[in-house]
Amino acid sequence: MTEKELEAVLKTLLTKTTKDGWAEAAESSPLTLYVSHSGGTLTITRVEAVKTDGEVVYARTAKKDLFGVSRASIFGVSADGLTRGLPSRRPAGFG
């Protein structure tokens, strides 16, 4: 993912930036990062905050795990739950 692509996605999905540079997701809307490199894949779920430092993207999860991945290896980002005020999808029979 290019710097412009990642910036546009995070701007759309994240709500605020802290003074130390972390872009935080809404409490009810954690992110999932999809990463792939040399045939191996990694899915980072329940991401609460993201911080970029050049070519490295740091992701902090709800469990306070910290991941550092190459920006070029990220091929997708998704948000669970509420995004920009829109209600989440509710499958029939579940609520």
C-alpha atoms as a PDB file:
ATOM      1  CA  MET A   1       0.000   0.000   0.000  1.00  0.00           C
ATOM      2  CA  THR A   2       1.393   3.396  -0.874  1.00  0.00           C
ATOM      3  CA  GLU A   3       1.719   6.197   1.650  1.00  0.00           C
ATOM      4  CA  LYS A   4      -1.166   8.126   0.056  1.00  0.00           C
ATOM      5  CA  GLU A   5      -3.440   5.049   0.038  1.00  0.00           C
ATOM      6  CA  LEU A   6      -2.753   4.230   3.676  1.00  0.00           C
ATOM      7  CA  GLU A   7      -3.194   7.860   4.699  1.00  0.00           C
ATOM      8  CA  ALA A   8      -6.566   8.058   2.918  1.00  0.00           C
ATOM      9  CA  VAL A   9      -7.815   4.809   4.480  1.00  0.00           C
ATOM     10  CA  LEU A  10      -6.730   5.764   7.997  1.00  0.00           C
ATOM     11  CA  LYS A  11      -8.191   9.256   7.624  1.00  0.00           C
ATOM     12  CA  THR A  12     -11.543   7.700   6.736  1.00  0.00           C
ATOM     13  CA  LEU A  13     -11.548   5.002   9.425  1.00  0.00           C
ATOM     14  CA  LEU A  14      -9.843   6.650  12.412  1.00  0.00           C
ATOM     15  CA  THR A  15     -11.332   9.273  14.649  1.00  0.00           C
ATOM     16  CA  LYS A  16      -8.548  11.158  16.423  1.00  0.00           C
ATOM     17  CA  THR A  17      -4.788  11.547  16.648  1.00  0.00           C
ATOM     18  CA  THR A  18      -3.081  11.690  20.035  1.00  0.00           C
ATOM     19  CA  LYS A  19      -0.251  14.064  20.916  1.00  0.00           C
ATOM     20  CA  ASP A  20       2.290  11.237  20.577  1.00  0.00           C
ATOM     21  CA  GLY A  21       1.240  10.494  16.984  1.00  0.00           C
ATOM     22  CA  TRP A  22      -1.083   7.497  17.392  1.00  0.00           C
ATOM     23  CA  ALA A  23      -4.217   7.595  15.236  1.00  0.00           C
ATOM     24  CA  GLU A  24      -6.932   5.937  17.305  1.00  0.00           C
ATOM     25  CA  ALA A  25      -9.985   4.030  16.118  1.00  0.00           C
ATOM     26  CA  ALA A  26     -13.391   4.607  17.669  1.00  0.00           C
ATOM     27  CA  GLU A  27     -13.854   2.463  20.786  1.00  0.00           C
ATOM     28  CA  SER A  28     -16.679   0.481  19.171  1.00  0.00           C
ATOM     29  CA  SER A  29     -14.919   0.165  15.816  1.00  0.00           C
ATOM     30  CA  PRO A  30     -11.532  -1.604  15.982  1.00  0.00           C
ATOM     31  CA  LEU A  31      -9.503  -2.116  12.806  1.00  0.00           C
ATOM     32  CA  THR A  32      -8.094  -5.206  11.131  1.00  0.00           C
ATOM     33  CA  LEU A  33      -4.852  -4.949   9.140  1.00  0.00           C
ATOM     34  CA  TYR A  34      -4.111  -7.470   6.379  1.00  0.00           C
ATOM     35  CA  VAL A  35      -0.400  -7.958   5.708  1.00  0.00           C
ATOM     36  CA  SER A  36       1.401 -10.188   3.208  1.00  0.00           C
ATOM     37  CA  HIS A  37       5.094 -10.632   2.423  1.00  0.00           C
ATOM     38  CA  SER A  38       6.901 -13.300   0.379  1.00  0.00           C
ATOM     39  CA  GLY A  39       3.901 -15.621   0.420  1.00  0.00           C
ATOM     40  CA  GLY A  40       3.245 -15.377   4.161  1.00  0.00           C
ATOM     41  CA  THR A  41       0.206 -13.572   5.502  1.00  0.00           C
ATOM     42  CA  LEU A  42      -0.628 -11.954   8.819  1.00  0.00           C
ATOM     43  CA  THR A  43      -3.989 -10.651   9.996  1.00  0.00           C
ATOM     44  CA  ILE A  44      -3.800  -8.187  12.881  1.00  0.00           C
ATOM     45  CA  THR A  45      -7.208  -7.923  14.550  1.00  0.00           C
ATOM     46  CA  ARG A  46      -8.693  -5.583  17.149  1.00  0.00           C
ATOM     47  CA  VAL A  47      -6.321  -2.744  16.315  1.00  0.00           C
ATOM     48  CA  GLU A  48      -7.028   0.265  18.531  1.00  0.00           C
ATOM     49  CA  ALA A  49      -4.345   2.632  17.222  1.00  0.00           C
ATOM     50  CA  VAL A  50      -1.951   3.002  14.303  1.00  0.00           C
ATOM     51  CA  LYS A  51       1.242   5.033  13.996  1.00  0.00           C
ATOM     52  CA  THR A  52       3.421   5.447  10.908  1.00  0.00           C
ATOM     53  CA  ASP A  53       7.152   6.093  10.922  1.00  0.00           C
ATOM     54  CA  GLY A  54       8.386   6.272   7.350  1.00  0.00           C
ATOM     55  CA  GLU A  55       8.040   2.799   5.834  1.00  0.00           C
ATOM     56  CA  VAL A  56       7.085   1.169   9.163  1.00  0.00           C
ATOM     57  CA  VAL A  57       3.507   1.016  10.436  1.00  0.00           C
ATOM     58  CA  TYR A  58       2.949   0.245  14.098  1.00  0.00           C
ATOM     59  CA  ALA A  59      -0.358  -1.258  15.207  1.00  0.00           C
ATOM     60  CA  ARG A  60      -1.461  -1.446  18.864  1.00  0.00           C
ATOM     61  CA  THR A  61      -4.195  -3.970  19.668  1.00  0.00           C
ATOM     62  CA  ALA A  62      -6.847  -4.169  22.375  1.00  0.00           C
ATOM     63  CA  LYS A  63      -4.571  -6.604  24.249  1.00  0.00           C
ATOM     64  CA  LYS A  64      -1.814  -3.940  24.103  1.00  0.00           C
ATOM     65  CA  ASP A  65       0.238  -6.074  21.694  1.00  0.00           C
ATOM     66  CA  LEU A  66       2.427  -3.982  19.404  1.00  0.00           C
ATOM     67  CA  PHE A  67       3.098  -4.960  15.792  1.00  0.00           C
ATOM     68  CA  GLY A  68       5.522  -3.281  13.412  1.00  0.00           C
ATOM     69  CA  VAL A  69       5.064  -4.052   9.720  1.00  0.00           C
ATOM     70  CA  SER A  70       6.292  -2.676   6.425  1.00  0.00           C
ATOM     71  CA  ARG A  71       3.802  -0.251   4.894  1.00  0.00           C
ATOM     72  CA  ALA A  72       4.368  -1.827   1.474  1.00  0.00           C
ATOM     73  CA  SER A  73       3.249  -5.221   2.853  1.00  0.00           C
ATOM     74  CA  ILE A  74      -0.180  -3.971   3.966  1.00  0.00           C
ATOM     75  CA  PHE A  75      -2.790  -4.811   1.352  1.00  0.00           C
ATOM     76  CA  GLY A  76      -6.010  -4.099   3.222  1.00  0.00           C
ATOM     77  CA  VAL A  77      -7.591  -2.416   6.242  1.00  0.00           C
ATOM     78  CA  SER A  78     -11.104  -2.957   7.556  1.00  0.00           C
ATOM     79  CA  ALA A  79     -13.158  -1.457  10.380  1.00  0.00           C
ATOM     80  CA  ASP A  80     -15.582  -3.461  12.498  1.00  0.00           C
ATOM     81  CA  GLY A  81     -18.769  -1.985  13.880  1.00  0.00           C
ATOM     82  CA  LEU A  82     -19.502   1.697  13.538  1.00  0.00           C
ATOM     83  CA  THR A  83     -17.639   3.689  10.918  1.00  0.00           C
ATOM     84  CA  ARG A  84     -18.121   7.433  10.600  1.00  0.00           C
ATOM     85  CA  GLY A  85     -21.527   7.284  12.272  1.00  0.00           C
ATOM     86  CA  LEU A  86     -22.987   4.546  10.098  1.00  0.00           C
ATOM     87  CA  PRO A  87     -24.667   1.609  11.874  1.00  0.00           C
ATOM     88  CA  SER A  88     -22.962  -1.747  11.682  1.00  0.00           C
ATOM     89  CA  ARG A  89     -24.453  -4.588   9.641  1.00  0.00           C
ATOM     90  CA  ARG A  90     -26.841  -6.720  11.692  1.00  0.00           C
ATOM     91  CA  PRO A  91     -27.474 -10.202  10.270  1.00  0.00           C
ATOM     92  CA  ALA A  92     -31.055 -11.457  10.478  1.00  0.00           C
ATOM     93  CA  GLY A  93     -31.881 -13.231  13.706  1.00  0.00           C
ATOM     94  CA  PHE A  94     -29.009 -11.744  15.676  1.00  0.00           C
ATOM     95  CA  GLY A  95     -30.402  -8.689  17.306  1.00  0.00           C
END
